Amino acid sequence: MVAEAALRPDVEGPGSKSCRTGGTAMSIIFRIVFIIAGAVTALFVARDALNFTIIQTFVAVLLVTAVVGAGSLWSLRRKT
């Protein structure tokens, strides 16, 4: 059975517009990370492989971890 909020997007609920405001910047960041991760993953795994999306997600997590680690090391370097 389909929830009533799914049929009427103007109704307050999990999929309503009020729950999605302000998320456009985070959405753009996620899209950019997954585009880069998809390009890196495609170098090592065929795009039609069944586990491509799982490996792409793993590469995206590694990219985010690398960026956060580089940022923290950069801040440590600047303090000394």
N, C-alpha and C. Protein backbone atom coordinates (compact mmCIF):
# COMPACT_ATOMS: atom_id res chain seq x y z
N MET A 1 0.84 -1.17 0.00
CA MET A 1 0.00 0.00 0.00
C MET A 1 0.89 1.25 0.00
N VAL A 2 0.57 2.21 -0.83
CA VAL A 2 1.35 3.43 -0.98
C VAL A 2 0.89 4.46 0.05
N ALA A 3 1.84 5.12 0.68
CA ALA A 3 1.51 6.14 1.66
C ALA A 3 0.85 7.33 0.97
N GLU A 4 -0.04 7.99 1.69
CA GLU A 4 -0.77 9.12 1.11
C GLU A 4 0.17 10.29 0.80
N ALA A 5 1.20 10.47 1.60
CA ALA A 5 2.15 11.56 1.37
C ALA A 5 2.93 11.36 0.09
N ALA A 6 3.12 10.11 -0.32
CA ALA A 6 3.84 9.85 -1.56
C ALA A 6 2.99 10.23 -2.77
N LEU A 7 1.67 10.15 -2.63
CA LEU A 7 0.79 10.50 -3.74
C LEU A 7 0.57 12.00 -3.84
N ARG A 8 0.65 12.69 -2.71
CA ARG A 8 0.43 14.14 -2.69
C ARG A 8 1.66 14.81 -2.10
N PRO A 9 2.55 15.34 -2.94
CA PRO A 9 3.80 15.91 -2.42
C PRO A 9 3.62 17.18 -1.60
N ASP A 10 2.44 17.80 -1.63
CA ASP A 10 2.24 19.01 -0.84
C ASP A 10 1.90 18.71 0.61
N VAL A 11 1.69 17.44 0.96
CA VAL A 11 1.35 17.04 2.32
C VAL A 11 2.62 16.99 3.15
N GLU A 12 2.56 17.47 4.40
CA GLU A 12 3.71 17.40 5.28
C GLU A 12 4.04 15.94 5.58
N GLY A 13 5.28 15.56 5.42
CA GLY A 13 5.69 14.18 5.68
C GLY A 13 7.13 13.98 5.29
N PRO A 14 7.60 12.71 5.26
CA PRO A 14 9.00 12.44 4.98
C PRO A 14 9.46 12.91 3.61
N GLY A 15 8.58 12.95 2.63
CA GLY A 15 8.98 13.36 1.29
C GLY A 15 8.52 14.75 0.93
N SER A 16 8.05 15.50 1.89
CA SER A 16 7.49 16.81 1.59
C SER A 16 8.59 17.83 1.34
N LYS A 17 8.20 18.93 0.74
CA LYS A 17 9.16 19.98 0.40
C LYS A 17 9.77 20.60 1.65
N SER A 18 9.02 20.65 2.74
CA SER A 18 9.53 21.27 3.96
C SER A 18 10.70 20.49 4.54
N CYS A 19 10.79 19.19 4.26
CA CYS A 19 11.90 18.39 4.77
C CYS A 19 13.12 18.49 3.88
N ARG A 20 12.97 19.03 2.67
CA ARG A 20 14.07 19.05 1.72
C ARG A 20 14.67 20.44 1.51
N THR A 21 14.26 21.44 2.25
CA THR A 21 14.79 22.78 2.04
C THR A 21 16.20 22.88 2.57
N GLY A 22 17.05 23.59 1.86
CA GLY A 22 18.41 23.82 2.30
C GLY A 22 19.37 22.70 2.00
N GLY A 23 18.96 21.67 1.29
CA GLY A 23 19.84 20.55 1.02
C GLY A 23 20.48 20.60 -0.35
N THR A 24 20.35 21.69 -1.06
CA THR A 24 20.87 21.73 -2.42
C THR A 24 22.39 21.78 -2.44
N ALA A 25 23.01 22.48 -1.52
CA ALA A 25 24.48 22.55 -1.49
C ALA A 25 25.07 21.18 -1.18
N MET A 26 24.50 20.47 -0.23
CA MET A 26 24.99 19.14 0.10
C MET A 26 24.76 18.17 -1.05
N SER A 27 23.66 18.33 -1.75
CA SER A 27 23.38 17.49 -2.91
C SER A 27 24.40 17.71 -4.02
N ILE A 28 24.79 18.95 -4.24
CA ILE A 28 25.79 19.25 -5.26
C ILE A 28 27.14 18.67 -4.87
N ILE A 29 27.49 18.77 -3.59
CA ILE A 29 28.76 18.20 -3.12
C ILE A 29 28.76 16.69 -3.31
N PHE A 30 27.66 16.02 -2.94
CA PHE A 30 27.57 14.57 -3.13
C PHE A 30 27.67 14.19 -4.60
N ARG A 31 27.03 14.94 -5.46
CA ARG A 31 27.09 14.64 -6.89
C ARG A 31 28.50 14.77 -7.43
N ILE A 32 29.21 15.81 -7.02
CA ILE A 32 30.58 16.00 -7.48
C ILE A 32 31.48 14.87 -6.98
N VAL A 33 31.32 14.48 -5.71
CA VAL A 33 32.13 13.40 -5.15
C VAL A 33 31.84 12.10 -5.90
N PHE A 34 30.56 11.82 -6.19
CA PHE A 34 30.23 10.57 -6.86
C PHE A 34 30.62 10.59 -8.33
N ILE A 35 30.66 11.74 -8.96
CA ILE A 35 31.15 11.81 -10.34
C ILE A 35 32.65 11.48 -10.37
N ILE A 36 33.40 12.05 -9.45
CA ILE A 36 34.84 11.76 -9.38
C ILE A 36 35.07 10.30 -9.02
N ALA A 37 34.30 9.80 -8.06
CA ALA A 37 34.44 8.39 -7.65
C ALA A 37 34.07 7.45 -8.79
N GLY A 38 33.06 7.81 -9.58
CA GLY A 38 32.68 6.98 -10.72
C GLY A 38 33.77 6.93 -11.77
N ALA A 39 34.43 8.06 -11.99
CA ALA A 39 35.52 8.08 -12.97
C ALA A 39 36.70 7.24 -12.50
N VAL A 40 37.04 7.35 -11.22
CA VAL A 40 38.16 6.56 -10.68
C VAL A 40 37.80 5.07 -10.68
N THR A 41 36.58 4.74 -10.29
CA THR A 41 36.16 3.34 -10.25
C THR A 41 36.12 2.74 -11.64
N ALA A 42 35.72 3.52 -12.63
CA ALA A 42 35.64 3.02 -14.01
C ALA A 42 37.02 2.66 -14.56
N LEU A 43 38.08 3.20 -13.98
CA LEU A 43 39.42 2.82 -14.41
C LEU A 43 39.77 1.39 -14.02
N PHE A 44 39.15 0.88 -12.95
CA PHE A 44 39.51 -0.43 -12.42
C PHE A 44 38.41 -1.48 -12.56
N VAL A 45 37.14 -1.06 -12.68
CA VAL A 45 36.02 -1.98 -12.72
C VAL A 45 35.13 -1.63 -13.91
N ALA A 46 34.62 -2.64 -14.59
CA ALA A 46 33.72 -2.39 -15.71
C ALA A 46 32.42 -1.77 -15.20
N ARG A 47 31.88 -0.81 -15.97
CA ARG A 47 30.68 -0.11 -15.52
C ARG A 47 29.45 -1.01 -15.46
N ASP A 48 29.45 -2.11 -16.21
CA ASP A 48 28.30 -3.00 -16.16
C ASP A 48 28.47 -4.14 -15.16
N ALA A 49 29.51 -4.09 -14.34
CA ALA A 49 29.71 -5.09 -13.30
C ALA A 49 28.63 -4.91 -12.22
N LEU A 50 28.24 -6.01 -11.62
CA LEU A 50 27.16 -5.96 -10.63
C LEU A 50 27.55 -5.17 -9.38
N ASN A 51 28.82 -5.17 -9.03
CA ASN A 51 29.25 -4.50 -7.81
C ASN A 51 29.85 -3.13 -8.08
N PHE A 52 29.59 -2.53 -9.23
CA PHE A 52 30.17 -1.22 -9.55
C PHE A 52 29.73 -0.15 -8.57
N THR A 53 28.45 -0.10 -8.24
CA THR A 53 27.96 0.95 -7.34
C THR A 53 28.51 0.79 -5.92
N ILE A 54 28.73 -0.46 -5.51
CA ILE A 54 29.29 -0.68 -4.18
C ILE A 54 30.74 -0.19 -4.14
N ILE A 55 31.50 -0.51 -5.17
CA ILE A 55 32.89 -0.07 -5.23
C ILE A 55 32.96 1.44 -5.41
N GLN A 56 32.02 2.02 -6.17
CA GLN A 56 31.98 3.47 -6.35
C GLN A 56 31.72 4.16 -5.02
N THR A 57 30.82 3.62 -4.22
CA THR A 57 30.55 4.19 -2.90
C THR A 57 31.78 4.09 -2.00
N PHE A 58 32.48 2.96 -2.06
CA PHE A 58 33.70 2.80 -1.27
C PHE A 58 34.76 3.81 -1.69
N VAL A 59 34.91 4.02 -2.98
CA VAL A 59 35.88 5.00 -3.48
C VAL A 59 35.47 6.41 -3.05
N ALA A 60 34.17 6.70 -3.06
CA ALA A 60 33.69 8.02 -2.62
C ALA A 60 34.02 8.25 -1.14
N VAL A 61 33.85 7.22 -0.33
CA VAL A 61 34.19 7.34 1.10
C VAL A 61 35.70 7.56 1.26
N LEU A 62 36.50 6.85 0.46
CA LEU A 62 37.94 7.05 0.53
C LEU A 62 38.33 8.46 0.09
N LEU A 63 37.67 8.99 -0.92
CA LEU A 63 37.95 10.36 -1.37
C LEU A 63 37.62 11.38 -0.29
N VAL A 64 36.46 11.23 0.34
CA VAL A 64 36.07 12.16 1.40
C VAL A 64 37.04 12.06 2.58
N THR A 65 37.44 10.83 2.92
CA THR A 65 38.40 10.63 4.00
C THR A 65 39.74 11.28 3.67
N ALA A 66 40.17 11.14 2.42
CA ALA A 66 41.44 11.75 2.00
C ALA A 66 41.37 13.27 2.06
N VAL A 67 40.25 13.85 1.65
CA VAL A 67 40.12 15.31 1.67
C VAL A 67 40.09 15.82 3.11
N VAL A 68 39.35 15.13 3.98
CA VAL A 68 39.29 15.55 5.39
C VAL A 68 40.67 15.38 6.05
N GLY A 69 41.35 14.27 5.75
CA GLY A 69 42.69 14.06 6.30
C GLY A 69 43.68 15.10 5.82
N ALA A 70 43.62 15.42 4.53
CA ALA A 70 44.52 16.45 3.99
C ALA A 70 44.23 17.80 4.62
N GLY A 71 42.97 18.10 4.85
CA GLY A 71 42.61 19.36 5.49
C GLY A 71 43.10 19.44 6.91
N SER A 72 42.99 18.35 7.64
CA SER A 72 43.48 18.37 9.02
C SER A 72 45.00 18.46 9.08
N LEU A 73 45.69 17.77 8.18
CA LEU A 73 47.14 17.88 8.15
C LEU A 73 47.58 19.27 7.71
N TRP A 74 46.84 19.88 6.82
CA TRP A 74 47.16 21.23 6.37
C TRP A 74 47.02 22.22 7.53
N SER A 75 45.97 22.04 8.33
CA SER A 75 45.78 22.95 9.47
C SER A 75 46.88 22.76 10.51
N LEU A 76 47.34 21.52 10.70
CA LEU A 76 48.44 21.27 11.63
C LEU A 76 49.73 21.93 11.12
N ARG A 77 49.94 21.89 9.84
CA ARG A 77 51.14 22.48 9.23
C ARG A 77 51.13 24.00 9.40
N ARG A 78 49.95 24.59 9.28
CA ARG A 78 49.86 26.05 9.36
C ARG A 78 50.02 26.56 10.78
N LYS A 79 49.72 25.74 11.80
CA LYS A 79 49.84 26.16 13.18
C LYS A 79 51.29 26.20 13.65
N THR A 80 52.17 25.43 13.01
CA THR A 80 53.56 25.39 13.46
C THR A 80 54.39 26.48 12.83
